[in-house]
Amino acid sequence: MAVNEFRKDLVSGEWVLISSLRARRPHDGKRERLMQSKEECVFEPEQMGAQETPVHVYDNGKPITWHGDWNGPWTTVVVPNKFPALQHGICGEPRQAGPYLTHAANGFHELVITRDHDAHFAQFTDEQTREVLQVYRGRYTEISQDECGDYISIFHNHGRAAGASILHNHSQIISTPIVPPEIVRSLQGSDDYMQQHGVPVHQAMIDWELRENKRIVYENEQFIAFCPFVSKGGYEVRIFPKRQMPRFELSDDATLSQCANMLNVVLRKLYAALDDVDYNFYIHTAPVMRDPLINYDFYHWHIEVVPRIPIAAGFELSTAIYINPFDPDDCARHLRETKV
């Protein structure tokens, strides 16, 4: 059924226009795939000697001590980014520059690299993905001790349209001395909803999706994945723990195992349903705790998976209202019915 209506996001307050008739517009469907051989890959052991000493190394699910041999045993490794957006240094305070506020760009910028050149998340086993999540958690915990790490962003780019410049599977971790505006808006919107309704906003979303049972893509014992009712683009998926949990880094190994299963299923379905579509996924979690008197019990950490299906044009840029030509109900049904 064709959908043509504005929908307001519960957290951000942003409006999205769902207009499924626009999906019938002509387009060529072409995209440029990212192709690199093992011989030219900078993340292969033969090329990794140019990398700095790893700060975190795992081998088949367990952290190990680094012995300086890239050809030795390792399955996931964390190294400093050779071309960092931020650099480690003294954090300092914000400064005024005329009418503007500035802050030194100090923080961490690291790469989380998995070993197999030819495998990415859609081909990983649950154990392999759990290992990556454990590495995320470990680095988050360590970086959070730095004075510049007020917020820690963990994200993964798959494909050229998603911003990846290297084919080999890798994620990034960036810490910032400020809490990003998008996170501030999300926290404020979540707190406002809690104050007005007495329940956490993300729990309200999950409960409604369970009642509606239209946009759920997959669920297991501890997690649920669904296409949001207010989706900015086609085939967006959000993955939530069913239990209220504001902080990703406090997830135990059993929780990460369930999360790995959920993430793998979602990414395999996107891979199969949309012909290895380019995508980003990122973890939204409460900021690093600096003040013990502040709690974020109204918040709920989650993973957002965003396929890079271009839609932004003049209307979106001029109004900040996205026109989404894909009905989330149809996207969820397609993914749900895709066998993996």
C-alpha atoms as a PDB file:
ATOM      1  CA  MET A   1       0.000   0.000   0.000  1.00  0.00           C
ATOM      2  CA  ALA A   2       1.323   3.442  -0.924  1.00  0.00           C
ATOM      3  CA  VAL A   3       2.312   5.636   2.032  1.00  0.00           C
ATOM      4  CA  ASN A   4       2.436   9.424   1.897  1.00  0.00           C
ATOM      5  CA  GLU A   5       2.733  11.067   5.325  1.00  0.00           C
ATOM      6  CA  PHE A   6       4.998  13.071   7.619  1.00  0.00           C
ATOM      7  CA  ARG A   7       6.302  11.234  10.674  1.00  0.00           C
ATOM      8  CA  LYS A   8       7.977  12.858  13.692  1.00  0.00           C
ATOM      9  CA  ASP A   9      10.848  11.119  15.452  1.00  0.00           C
ATOM     10  CA  LEU A  10      10.227  10.554  19.168  1.00  0.00           C
ATOM     11  CA  VAL A  11      13.818  11.312  20.159  1.00  0.00           C
ATOM     12  CA  SER A  12      15.148  14.027  17.841  1.00  0.00           C
ATOM     13  CA  GLY A  13      11.866  15.757  17.028  1.00  0.00           C
ATOM     14  CA  GLU A  14      12.863  15.688  13.336  1.00  0.00           C
ATOM     15  CA  TRP A  15      10.197  15.239  10.682  1.00  0.00           C
ATOM     16  CA  VAL A  16      10.572  12.644   7.921  1.00  0.00           C
ATOM     17  CA  LEU A  17       8.332  12.446   4.858  1.00  0.00           C
ATOM     18  CA  ILE A  18       7.561   8.830   3.917  1.00  0.00           C
ATOM     19  CA  SER A  19       6.524   8.954   0.257  1.00  0.00           C
ATOM     20  CA  SER A  20       6.658   5.481  -1.236  1.00  0.00           C
ATOM     21  CA  LEU A  21       5.324   6.669  -4.610  1.00  0.00           C
ATOM     22  CA  ARG A  22       8.734   8.231  -5.228  1.00  0.00           C
ATOM     23  CA  ALA A  23      10.304   4.766  -5.255  1.00  0.00           C
ATOM     24  CA  ARG A  24       8.903   4.441  -8.785  1.00  0.00           C
ATOM     25  CA  ARG A  25      11.196   7.199 -10.080  1.00  0.00           C
ATOM     26  CA  PRO A  26      13.658   6.051 -12.745  1.00  0.00           C
ATOM     27  CA  HIS A  27      17.277   5.477 -11.710  1.00  0.00           C
ATOM     28  CA  ASP A  28      20.162   3.560 -13.261  1.00  0.00           C
ATOM     29  CA  GLY A  29      20.979   1.546 -10.136  1.00  0.00           C
ATOM     30  CA  LYS A  30      24.696   1.645 -10.908  1.00  0.00           C
ATOM     31  CA  ARG A  31      27.298   1.925  -8.168  1.00  0.00           C
ATOM     32  CA  GLU A  32      31.048   1.724  -8.081  1.00  0.00           C
ATOM     33  CA  ARG A  33      32.290  -1.246  -6.079  1.00  0.00           C
ATOM     34  CA  LEU A  34      35.439  -1.055  -3.993  1.00  0.00           C
ATOM     35  CA  MET A  35      37.962  -3.561  -5.364  1.00  0.00           C
ATOM     36  CA  GLN A  36      41.466  -4.228  -3.994  1.00  0.00           C
ATOM     37  CA  SER A  37      43.630  -7.341  -4.218  1.00  0.00           C
ATOM     38  CA  LYS A  38      45.504  -8.831  -1.279  1.00  0.00           C
ATOM     39  CA  GLU A  39      48.777  -7.832  -2.940  1.00  0.00           C
ATOM     40  CA  GLU A  40      47.878  -4.128  -2.860  1.00  0.00           C
ATOM     41  CA  CYS A  41      46.123  -4.170   0.531  1.00  0.00           C
ATOM     42  CA  VAL A  42      47.817  -2.153   3.283  1.00  0.00           C
ATOM     43  CA  PHE A  43      46.183  -4.330   5.955  1.00  0.00           C
ATOM     44  CA  GLU A  44      47.837  -7.567   4.852  1.00  0.00           C
ATOM     45  CA  PRO A  45      50.703  -8.831   7.096  1.00  0.00           C
ATOM     46  CA  GLU A  46      53.293  -8.100   4.395  1.00  0.00           C
ATOM     47  CA  GLN A  47      52.277  -4.424   4.427  1.00  0.00           C
ATOM     48  CA  MET A  48      51.476  -4.032   8.127  1.00  0.00           C
ATOM     49  CA  GLY A  49      55.090  -3.445   9.137  1.00  0.00           C
ATOM     50  CA  ALA A  50      54.496   0.212   8.317  1.00  0.00           C
ATOM     51  CA  GLN A  51      51.773   0.334  10.967  1.00  0.00           C
ATOM     52  CA  GLU A  52      52.450   1.436  14.510  1.00  0.00           C
ATOM     53  CA  THR A  53      52.584  -1.075  17.369  1.00  0.00           C
ATOM     54  CA  PRO A  54      49.110  -2.484  18.029  1.00  0.00           C
ATOM     55  CA  VAL A  55      47.328  -1.292  21.153  1.00  0.00           C
ATOM     56  CA  HIS A  56      44.943  -4.267  21.350  1.00  0.00           C
ATOM     57  CA  VAL A  57      45.333  -7.766  19.886  1.00  0.00           C
ATOM     58  CA  TYR A  58      42.931 -10.739  19.879  1.00  0.00           C
ATOM     59  CA  ASP A  59      43.430 -14.269  18.638  1.00  0.00           C
ATOM     60  CA  ASN A  60      40.366 -16.474  18.262  1.00  0.00           C
ATOM     61  CA  GLY A  61      38.347 -14.829  20.989  1.00  0.00           C
ATOM     62  CA  LYS A  62      41.074 -14.104  23.520  1.00  0.00           C
ATOM     63  CA  PRO A  63      43.340 -11.072  24.102  1.00  0.00           C
ATOM     64  CA  ILE A  64      47.010 -11.878  23.564  1.00  0.00           C
ATOM     65  CA  THR A  65      50.358 -10.158  24.088  1.00  0.00           C
ATOM     66  CA  TRP A  66      51.870  -8.653  20.945  1.00  0.00           C
ATOM     67  CA  HIS A  67      55.249 -10.111  19.995  1.00  0.00           C
ATOM     68  CA  GLY A  68      55.972  -7.909  17.010  1.00  0.00           C
ATOM     69  CA  ASP A  69      55.223 -10.434  14.248  1.00  0.00           C
ATOM     70  CA  TRP A  70      52.444  -9.536  11.813  1.00  0.00           C
ATOM     71  CA  ASN A  71      52.651 -13.047  10.346  1.00  0.00           C
ATOM     72  CA  GLY A  72      52.118 -14.528  13.801  1.00  0.00           C
ATOM     73  CA  PRO A  73      48.786 -15.432  15.427  1.00  0.00           C
ATOM     74  CA  TRP A  74      46.154 -12.708  15.509  1.00  0.00           C
ATOM     75  CA  THR A  75      42.576 -12.436  14.252  1.00  0.00           C
ATOM     76  CA  THR A  76      41.614  -8.870  15.265  1.00  0.00           C
ATOM     77  CA  VAL A  77      43.969  -6.001  15.986  1.00  0.00           C
ATOM     78  CA  VAL A  78      43.690  -2.320  16.920  1.00  0.00           C
ATOM     79  CA  VAL A  79      46.253   0.163  15.569  1.00  0.00           C
ATOM     80  CA  PRO A  80      46.426   3.971  15.580  1.00  0.00           C
ATOM     81  CA  ASN A  81      45.124   5.501  12.340  1.00  0.00           C
ATOM     82  CA  LYS A  82      48.034   6.678  10.180  1.00  0.00           C
ATOM     83  CA  PHE A  83      45.896   9.603   9.005  1.00  0.00           C
ATOM     84  CA  PRO A  84      43.995  10.572  12.166  1.00  0.00           C
ATOM     85  CA  ALA A  85      41.214  13.115  12.365  1.00  0.00           C
ATOM     86  CA  LEU A  86      42.276  13.674  15.993  1.00  0.00           C
ATOM     87  CA  GLN A  87      45.619  13.273  17.696  1.00  0.00           C
ATOM     88  CA  HIS A  88      46.397  12.314  21.255  1.00  0.00           C
ATOM     89  CA  GLY A  89      47.469  15.247  23.391  1.00  0.00           C
ATOM     90  CA  ILE A  90      46.551  17.532  26.264  1.00  0.00           C
ATOM     91  CA  CYS A  91      42.830  18.097  26.171  1.00  0.00           C
ATOM     92  CA  GLY A  92      42.612  21.660  27.461  1.00  0.00           C
ATOM     93  CA  GLU A  93      39.536  23.867  27.581  1.00  0.00           C
ATOM     94  CA  PRO A  94      37.384  25.430  24.833  1.00  0.00           C
ATOM     95  CA  ARG A  95      38.701  28.764  23.551  1.00  0.00           C
ATOM     96  CA  GLN A  96      37.004  31.807  22.125  1.00  0.00           C
ATOM     97  CA  ALA A  97      38.020  32.937  18.616  1.00  0.00           C
ATOM     98  CA  GLY A  98      36.086  36.133  18.000  1.00  0.00           C
ATOM     99  CA  PRO A  99      32.413  35.145  18.125  1.00  0.00           C
ATOM    100  CA  TYR A 100      33.285  31.451  17.699  1.00  0.00           C
ATOM    101  CA  LEU A 101      34.080  28.694  20.187  1.00  0.00           C
ATOM    102  CA  THR A 102      36.997  26.362  19.356  1.00  0.00           C
ATOM    103  CA  HIS A 103      38.552  23.314  20.945  1.00  0.00           C
ATOM    104  CA  ALA A 104      41.831  21.501  20.247  1.00  0.00           C
ATOM    105  CA  ALA A 105      41.178  18.365  18.186  1.00  0.00           C
ATOM    106  CA  ASN A 106      42.780  15.965  20.651  1.00  0.00           C
ATOM    107  CA  GLY A 107      41.600  12.431  21.164  1.00  0.00           C
ATOM    108  CA  PHE A 108      42.065   8.898  19.842  1.00  0.00           C
ATOM    109  CA  HIS A 109      41.535   7.699  16.274  1.00  0.00           C
ATOM    110  CA  GLU A 110      42.095   3.975  15.870  1.00  0.00           C
ATOM    111  CA  LEU A 111      41.413   1.180  13.397  1.00  0.00           C
ATOM    112  CA  VAL A 112      39.975  -2.210  14.321  1.00  0.00           C
ATOM    113  CA  ILE A 113      41.218  -4.609  11.631  1.00  0.00           C
ATOM    114  CA  THR A 114      40.147  -8.220  11.131  1.00  0.00           C
ATOM    115  CA  ARG A 115      42.623 -10.589   9.518  1.00  0.00           C
ATOM    116  CA  ASP A 116      40.841 -12.204   6.553  1.00  0.00           C
ATOM    117  CA  HIS A 117      41.137  -9.953   3.505  1.00  0.00           C
ATOM    118  CA  ASP A 118      38.164 -11.484   1.713  1.00  0.00           C
ATOM    119  CA  ALA A 119      35.639 -11.752   4.578  1.00  0.00           C
ATOM    120  CA  HIS A 120      33.418  -9.022   5.965  1.00  0.00           C
ATOM    121  CA  PHE A 121      30.623  -9.028   8.542  1.00  0.00           C
ATOM    122  CA  ALA A 122      28.050 -10.649   6.257  1.00  0.00           C
ATOM    123  CA  GLN A 123      30.352 -13.704   6.050  1.00  0.00           C
ATOM    124  CA  PHE A 124      31.537 -13.750   9.680  1.00  0.00           C
ATOM    125  CA  THR A 125      30.576 -16.431  12.157  1.00  0.00           C
ATOM    126  CA  ASP A 126      28.923 -15.283  15.363  1.00  0.00           C
ATOM    127  CA  GLU A 127      32.184 -16.022  17.186  1.00  0.00           C
ATOM    128  CA  GLN A 128      34.158 -13.754  14.842  1.00  0.00           C
ATOM    129  CA  THR A 129      31.711 -10.888  15.248  1.00  0.00           C
ATOM    130  CA  ARG A 130      31.610 -11.370  19.025  1.00  0.00           C
ATOM    131  CA  GLU A 131      35.395 -10.996  19.048  1.00  0.00           C
ATOM    132  CA  VAL A 132      35.141  -7.658  17.218  1.00  0.00           C
ATOM    133  CA  LEU A 133      32.491  -6.478  19.692  1.00  0.00           C
ATOM    134  CA  GLN A 134      34.753  -7.525  22.575  1.00  0.00           C
ATOM    135  CA  VAL A 135      37.560  -5.478  21.037  1.00  0.00           C
ATOM    136  CA  TYR A 136      35.221  -2.487  20.713  1.00  0.00           C
ATOM    137  CA  ARG A 137      34.295  -2.861  24.375  1.00  0.00           C
ATOM    138  CA  GLY A 138      37.899  -3.233  25.509  1.00  0.00           C
ATOM    139  CA  ARG A 139      39.113  -0.155  23.694  1.00  0.00           C
ATOM    140  CA  TYR A 140      36.079   1.832  24.808  1.00  0.00           C
ATOM    141  CA  THR A 141      36.862   1.017  28.430  1.00  0.00           C
ATOM    142  CA  GLU A 142      40.525   1.970  28.086  1.00  0.00           C
ATOM    143  CA  ILE A 143      39.985   5.157  26.065  1.00  0.00           C
ATOM    144  CA  SER A 144      37.296   6.316  28.491  1.00  0.00           C
ATOM    145  CA  GLN A 145      40.010   6.802  31.098  1.00  0.00           C
ATOM    146  CA  ASP A 146      41.568   9.581  29.005  1.00  0.00           C
ATOM    147  CA  GLU A 147      40.533  13.130  29.890  1.00  0.00           C
ATOM    148  CA  CYS A 148      39.763  13.929  26.244  1.00  0.00           C
ATOM    149  CA  GLY A 149      37.334  11.051  25.784  1.00  0.00           C
ATOM    150  CA  ASP A 150      34.005  12.679  26.638  1.00  0.00           C
ATOM    151  CA  TYR A 151      32.408  10.699  23.822  1.00  0.00           C
ATOM    152  CA  ILE A 152      33.661   7.600  22.008  1.00  0.00           C
ATOM    153  CA  SER A 153      32.300   6.850  18.544  1.00  0.00           C
ATOM    154  CA  ILE A 154      32.551   3.306  17.184  1.00  0.00           C
ATOM    155  CA  PHE A 155      31.561   2.847  13.542  1.00  0.00           C
ATOM    156  CA  HIS A 156      32.050   0.671  10.485  1.00  0.00           C
ATOM    157  CA  ASN A 157      32.012   1.720   6.821  1.00  0.00           C
ATOM    158  CA  HIS A 158      31.321  -0.950   4.200  1.00  0.00           C
ATOM    159  CA  GLY A 159      31.768   0.053   0.570  1.00  0.00           C
ATOM    160  CA  ARG A 160      32.815   3.158  -1.299  1.00  0.00           C
ATOM    161  CA  ALA A 161      29.438   4.912  -0.949  1.00  0.00           C
ATOM    162  CA  ALA A 162      29.722   4.474   2.830  1.00  0.00           C
ATOM    163  CA  GLY A 163      33.089   6.230   2.936  1.00  0.00           C
ATOM    164  CA  ALA A 164      35.407   3.205   2.959  1.00  0.00           C
ATOM    165  CA  SER A 165      38.639   3.692   1.018  1.00  0.00           C
ATOM    166  CA  ILE A 166      40.048   0.225   1.778  1.00  0.00           C
ATOM    167  CA  LEU A 167      38.227  -3.004   0.945  1.00  0.00           C
ATOM    168  CA  HIS A 168      39.718  -5.038   3.813  1.00  0.00           C
ATOM    169  CA  ASN A 169      37.233  -5.258   6.696  1.00  0.00           C
ATOM    170  CA  HIS A 170      37.943  -2.663   9.396  1.00  0.00           C
ATOM    171  CA  SER A 171      36.115  -0.384  11.805  1.00  0.00           C
ATOM    172  CA  GLN A 172      37.090   2.898  13.431  1.00  0.00           C
ATOM    173  CA  ILE A 173      37.067   4.280  16.963  1.00  0.00           C
ATOM    174  CA  ILE A 174      37.251   8.032  17.545  1.00  0.00           C
ATOM    175  CA  SER A 175      37.150   9.773  20.921  1.00  0.00           C
ATOM    176  CA  THR A 176      36.273  13.451  21.161  1.00  0.00           C
ATOM    177  CA  PRO A 177      36.689  16.063  23.924  1.00  0.00           C
ATOM    178  CA  ILE A 178      33.126  17.199  23.243  1.00  0.00           C
ATOM    179  CA  VAL A 179      29.803  15.382  23.165  1.00  0.00           C
ATOM    180  CA  PRO A 180      28.652  15.601  19.506  1.00  0.00           C
ATOM    181  CA  PRO A 181      25.489  17.633  18.800  1.00  0.00           C
ATOM    182  CA  GLU A 182      23.628  14.586  17.462  1.00  0.00           C
ATOM    183  CA  ILE A 183      24.261  12.747  20.742  1.00  0.00           C
ATOM    184  CA  VAL A 184      23.259  15.814  22.786  1.00  0.00           C
ATOM    185  CA  ARG A 185      19.966  15.994  20.861  1.00  0.00           C
ATOM    186  CA  SER A 186      19.396  12.282  21.339  1.00  0.00           C
ATOM    187  CA  LEU A 187      20.052  12.501  25.076  1.00  0.00           C
ATOM    188  CA  GLN A 188      17.852  15.561  25.474  1.00  0.00           C
ATOM    189  CA  GLY A 189      15.017  14.037  23.470  1.00  0.00           C
ATOM    190  CA  SER A 190      15.245  10.803  25.465  1.00  0.00           C
ATOM    191  CA  ASP A 191      15.236  12.676  28.768  1.00  0.00           C
ATOM    192  CA  ASP A 192      12.298  14.852  27.683  1.00  0.00           C
ATOM    193  CA  TYR A 193      10.246  11.796  26.751  1.00  0.00           C
ATOM    194  CA  MET A 194      11.043  10.145  30.083  1.00  0.00           C
ATOM    195  CA  GLN A 195      10.007  13.276  31.969  1.00  0.00           C
ATOM    196  CA  GLN A 196       6.723  13.545  30.052  1.00  0.00           C
ATOM    197  CA  HIS A 197       5.693   9.889  29.860  1.00  0.00           C
ATOM    198  CA  GLY A 198       7.508   8.143  32.697  1.00  0.00           C
ATOM    199  CA  VAL A 199       9.027   5.432  30.468  1.00  0.00           C
ATOM    200  CA  PRO A 200      12.288   5.381  28.476  1.00  0.00           C
ATOM    201  CA  VAL A 201      11.631   6.438  24.895  1.00  0.00           C
ATOM    202  CA  HIS A 202      13.525   3.575  23.301  1.00  0.00           C
ATOM    203  CA  GLN A 203      11.628   1.079  25.417  1.00  0.00           C
ATOM    204  CA  ALA A 204       8.405   2.699  24.208  1.00  0.00           C
ATOM    205  CA  MET A 205       9.611   2.193  20.625  1.00  0.00           C
ATOM    206  CA  ILE A 206      10.482  -1.455  21.223  1.00  0.00           C
ATOM    207  CA  ASP A 207       7.179  -2.183  22.973  1.00  0.00           C
ATOM    208  CA  TRP A 208       5.231  -0.596  20.110  1.00  0.00           C
ATOM    209  CA  GLU A 209       7.175  -2.508  17.457  1.00  0.00           C
ATOM    210  CA  LEU A 210       6.439  -5.741  19.314  1.00  0.00           C
ATOM    211  CA  ARG A 211       2.733  -4.884  19.453  1.00  0.00           C
ATOM    212  CA  GLU A 212       2.552  -3.805  15.795  1.00  0.00           C
ATOM    213  CA  ASN A 213       4.722  -6.714  14.610  1.00  0.00           C
ATOM    214  CA  LYS A 214       5.144  -5.105  11.164  1.00  0.00           C
ATOM    215  CA  ARG A 215       8.684  -3.747  11.076  1.00  0.00           C
ATOM    216  CA  ILE A 216      10.585  -6.391  13.052  1.00  0.00           C
ATOM    217  CA  VAL A 217      13.371  -7.917  10.969  1.00  0.00           C
ATOM    218  CA  TYR A 218      14.704 -10.418  13.484  1.00  0.00           C
ATOM    219  CA  GLU A 219      14.871 -11.034  17.224  1.00  0.00           C
ATOM    220  CA  ASN A 220      16.674 -13.395  19.535  1.00  0.00           C
ATOM    221  CA  GLU A 221      16.562 -13.876  23.291  1.00  0.00           C
ATOM    222  CA  GLN A 222      18.181 -10.553  24.212  1.00  0.00           C
ATOM    223  CA  PHE A 223      17.996  -8.339  21.094  1.00  0.00           C
ATOM    224  CA  ILE A 224      15.507  -7.030  18.577  1.00  0.00           C
ATOM    225  CA  ALA A 225      16.084  -5.510  15.128  1.00  0.00           C
ATOM    226  CA  PHE A 226      13.508  -3.446  13.270  1.00  0.00           C
ATOM    227  CA  CYS A 227      13.142  -0.874  10.516  1.00  0.00           C
ATOM    228  CA  PRO A 228      12.204   2.323  12.386  1.00  0.00           C
ATOM    229  CA  PHE A 229       8.712   3.736  11.838  1.00  0.00           C
ATOM    230  CA  VAL A 230      10.458   7.079  11.212  1.00  0.00           C
ATOM    231  CA  SER A 231      13.222   5.959   8.839  1.00  0.00           C
ATOM    232  CA  LYS A 232      15.194   8.630   6.989  1.00  0.00           C
ATOM    233  CA  GLY A 233      16.180   6.173   4.268  1.00  0.00           C
ATOM    234  CA  GLY A 234      15.388   2.787   2.835  1.00  0.00           C
ATOM    235  CA  TYR A 235      16.196  -0.374   4.775  1.00  0.00           C
ATOM    236  CA  GLU A 236      17.503   1.371   7.886  1.00  0.00           C
ATOM    237  CA  VAL A 237      17.691  -1.092  10.781  1.00  0.00           C
ATOM    238  CA  ARG A 238      18.136  -0.452  14.492  1.00  0.00           C
ATOM    239  CA  ILE A 239      19.324  -3.137  16.874  1.00  0.00           C
ATOM    240  CA  PHE A 240      18.428  -2.806  20.568  1.00  0.00           C
ATOM    241  CA  PRO A 241      18.979  -4.914  23.664  1.00  0.00           C
ATOM    242  CA  LYS A 242      15.519  -5.824  24.912  1.00  0.00           C
ATOM    243  CA  ARG A 243      16.626  -5.032  28.465  1.00  0.00           C
ATOM    244  CA  GLN A 244      17.110  -1.337  29.255  1.00  0.00           C
ATOM    245  CA  MET A 245      20.884  -0.715  29.050  1.00  0.00           C
ATOM    246  CA  PRO A 246      22.281   2.806  28.664  1.00  0.00           C
ATOM    247  CA  ARG A 247      25.944   1.827  28.270  1.00  0.00           C
ATOM    248  CA  PHE A 248      27.438  -0.442  25.606  1.00  0.00           C
ATOM    249  CA  GLU A 249      30.711  -0.929  27.493  1.00  0.00           C
ATOM    250  CA  LEU A 250      28.905  -2.602  30.413  1.00  0.00           C
ATOM    251  CA  SER A 251      27.635  -5.440  28.186  1.00  0.00           C
ATOM    252  CA  ASP A 252      28.934  -8.808  29.342  1.00  0.00           C
ATOM    253  CA  ASP A 253      30.206 -11.560  27.048  1.00  0.00           C
ATOM    254  CA  ALA A 254      26.850 -13.346  26.956  1.00  0.00           C
ATOM    255  CA  THR A 255      25.163 -10.126  25.825  1.00  0.00           C
ATOM    256  CA  LEU A 256      27.826  -9.545  23.164  1.00  0.00           C
ATOM    257  CA  SER A 257      27.287 -13.096  21.873  1.00  0.00           C
ATOM    258  CA  GLN A 258      23.596 -12.370  21.371  1.00  0.00           C
ATOM    259  CA  CYS A 259      24.437  -9.010  19.801  1.00  0.00           C
ATOM    260  CA  ALA A 260      26.874 -10.691  17.399  1.00  0.00           C
ATOM    261  CA  ASN A 261      24.192 -13.115  16.277  1.00  0.00           C
ATOM    262  CA  MET A 262      21.765 -10.245  15.719  1.00  0.00           C
ATOM    263  CA  LEU A 263      24.240  -8.079  13.796  1.00  0.00           C
ATOM    264  CA  ASN A 264      25.306 -10.990  11.604  1.00  0.00           C
ATOM    265  CA  VAL A 265      21.746 -11.911  10.657  1.00  0.00           C
ATOM    266  CA  VAL A 266      20.841  -8.306   9.812  1.00  0.00           C
ATOM    267  CA  LEU A 267      23.952  -7.749   7.680  1.00  0.00           C
ATOM    268  CA  ARG A 268      23.547 -11.083   5.890  1.00  0.00           C
ATOM    269  CA  LYS A 269      19.961 -10.194   5.045  1.00  0.00           C
ATOM    270  CA  LEU A 270      21.009  -6.798   3.691  1.00  0.00           C
ATOM    271  CA  TYR A 271      23.803  -8.476   1.719  1.00  0.00           C
ATOM    272  CA  ALA A 272      21.393 -10.984   0.161  1.00  0.00           C
ATOM    273  CA  ALA A 273      18.388  -8.707  -0.314  1.00  0.00           C
ATOM    274  CA  LEU A 274      20.232  -5.679  -1.723  1.00  0.00           C
ATOM    275  CA  ASP A 275      23.180  -7.243  -3.579  1.00  0.00           C
ATOM    276  CA  ASP A 276      25.936  -6.387  -1.083  1.00  0.00           C
ATOM    277  CA  VAL A 277      24.719  -2.844  -0.533  1.00  0.00           C
ATOM    278  CA  ASP A 278      27.176  -0.298   0.890  1.00  0.00           C
ATOM    279  CA  TYR A 279      26.314   0.598   4.476  1.00  0.00           C
ATOM    280  CA  ASN A 280      27.446   2.175   7.713  1.00  0.00           C
ATOM    281  CA  PHE A 281      26.762   0.860  11.160  1.00  0.00           C
ATOM    282  CA  TYR A 282      27.555   2.652  14.380  1.00  0.00           C
ATOM    283  CA  ILE A 283      27.000   2.284  18.088  1.00  0.00           C
ATOM    284  CA  HIS A 284      25.028   4.939  19.945  1.00  0.00           C
ATOM    285  CA  THR A 285      25.701   4.811  23.660  1.00  0.00           C
ATOM    286  CA  ALA A 286      25.592   7.146  26.636  1.00  0.00           C
ATOM    287  CA  PRO A 287      28.625   9.460  26.983  1.00  0.00           C
ATOM    288  CA  VAL A 288      31.585   8.582  29.167  1.00  0.00           C
ATOM    289  CA  MET A 289      30.729   8.997  32.840  1.00  0.00           C
ATOM    290  CA  ARG A 290      32.601  11.972  34.320  1.00  0.00           C
ATOM    291  CA  ASP A 291      30.185  13.036  37.045  1.00  0.00           C
ATOM    292  CA  PRO A 292      28.901  10.247  39.351  1.00  0.00           C
ATOM    293  CA  LEU A 293      25.823  12.361  40.081  1.00  0.00           C
ATOM    294  CA  ILE A 294      24.706  12.163  36.430  1.00  0.00           C
ATOM    295  CA  ASN A 295      23.006   9.015  35.209  1.00  0.00           C
ATOM    296  CA  TYR A 296      21.602   8.096  31.827  1.00  0.00           C
ATOM    297  CA  ASP A 297      19.053   5.515  32.898  1.00  0.00           C
ATOM    298  CA  PHE A 298      16.575   7.069  30.438  1.00  0.00           C
ATOM    299  CA  TYR A 299      18.853   6.121  27.519  1.00  0.00           C
ATOM    300  CA  HIS A 300      19.257   2.816  25.666  1.00  0.00           C
ATOM    301  CA  TRP A 301      22.395   1.907  23.720  1.00  0.00           C
ATOM    302  CA  HIS A 302      21.835   0.529  20.250  1.00  0.00           C
ATOM    303  CA  ILE A 303      23.359  -0.105  16.830  1.00  0.00           C
ATOM    304  CA  GLU A 304      22.091   1.750  13.783  1.00  0.00           C
ATOM    305  CA  VAL A 305      22.611   0.146  10.368  1.00  0.00           C
ATOM    306  CA  VAL A 306      22.234   2.601   7.481  1.00  0.00           C
ATOM    307  CA  PRO A 307      22.394   1.326   3.876  1.00  0.00           C
ATOM    308  CA  ARG A 308      23.751   3.973   1.537  1.00  0.00           C
ATOM    309  CA  ILE A 309      20.821   4.349  -0.815  1.00  0.00           C
ATOM    310  CA  PRO A 310      21.094   7.970  -2.042  1.00  0.00           C
ATOM    311  CA  ILE A 311      18.034  10.119  -1.385  1.00  0.00           C
ATOM    312  CA  ALA A 312      19.228  13.541  -0.206  1.00  0.00           C
ATOM    313  CA  ALA A 313      18.622  16.355  -2.698  1.00  0.00           C
ATOM    314  CA  GLY A 314      17.503  19.980  -2.711  1.00  0.00           C
ATOM    315  CA  PHE A 315      14.451  19.551  -0.489  1.00  0.00           C
ATOM    316  CA  GLU A 316      16.420  17.672   2.180  1.00  0.00           C
ATOM    317  CA  LEU A 317      19.260  20.199   2.143  1.00  0.00           C
ATOM    318  CA  SER A 318      16.972  23.221   2.257  1.00  0.00           C
ATOM    319  CA  THR A 319      14.505  21.985   4.894  1.00  0.00           C
ATOM    320  CA  ALA A 320      16.364  19.226   6.839  1.00  0.00           C
ATOM    321  CA  ILE A 321      13.281  17.056   6.217  1.00  0.00           C
ATOM    322  CA  TYR A 322      14.177  13.788   4.533  1.00  0.00           C
ATOM    323  CA  ILE A 323      11.922  12.308   1.869  1.00  0.00           C
ATOM    324  CA  ASN A 324      12.141   8.534   2.224  1.00  0.00           C
ATOM    325  CA  PRO A 325      10.688   6.692  -0.803  1.00  0.00           C
ATOM    326  CA  PHE A 326      10.782   3.343   1.032  1.00  0.00           C
ATOM    327  CA  ASP A 327       7.978   2.299   3.368  1.00  0.00           C
ATOM    328  CA  PRO A 328       9.661   0.821   6.496  1.00  0.00           C
ATOM    329  CA  ASP A 329       6.938  -1.852   6.657  1.00  0.00           C
ATOM    330  CA  ASP A 330       7.878  -3.070   3.160  1.00  0.00           C
ATOM    331  CA  CYS A 331      11.618  -2.931   3.909  1.00  0.00           C
ATOM    332  CA  ALA A 332      11.207  -4.993   7.059  1.00  0.00           C
ATOM    333  CA  ARG A 333       9.005  -7.526   5.272  1.00  0.00           C
ATOM    334  CA  HIS A 334      11.582  -7.900   2.494  1.00  0.00           C
ATOM    335  CA  LEU A 335      14.439  -8.409   4.961  1.00  0.00           C
ATOM    336  CA  ARG A 336      12.404 -10.700   7.184  1.00  0.00           C
ATOM    337  CA  GLU A 337      11.548 -12.943   4.234  1.00  0.00           C
ATOM    338  CA  THR A 338      15.125 -12.981   2.887  1.00  0.00           C
ATOM    339  CA  LYS A 339      16.693 -16.347   3.666  1.00  0.00           C
ATOM    340  CA  VAL A 340      20.271 -16.395   4.972  1.00  0.00           C
END
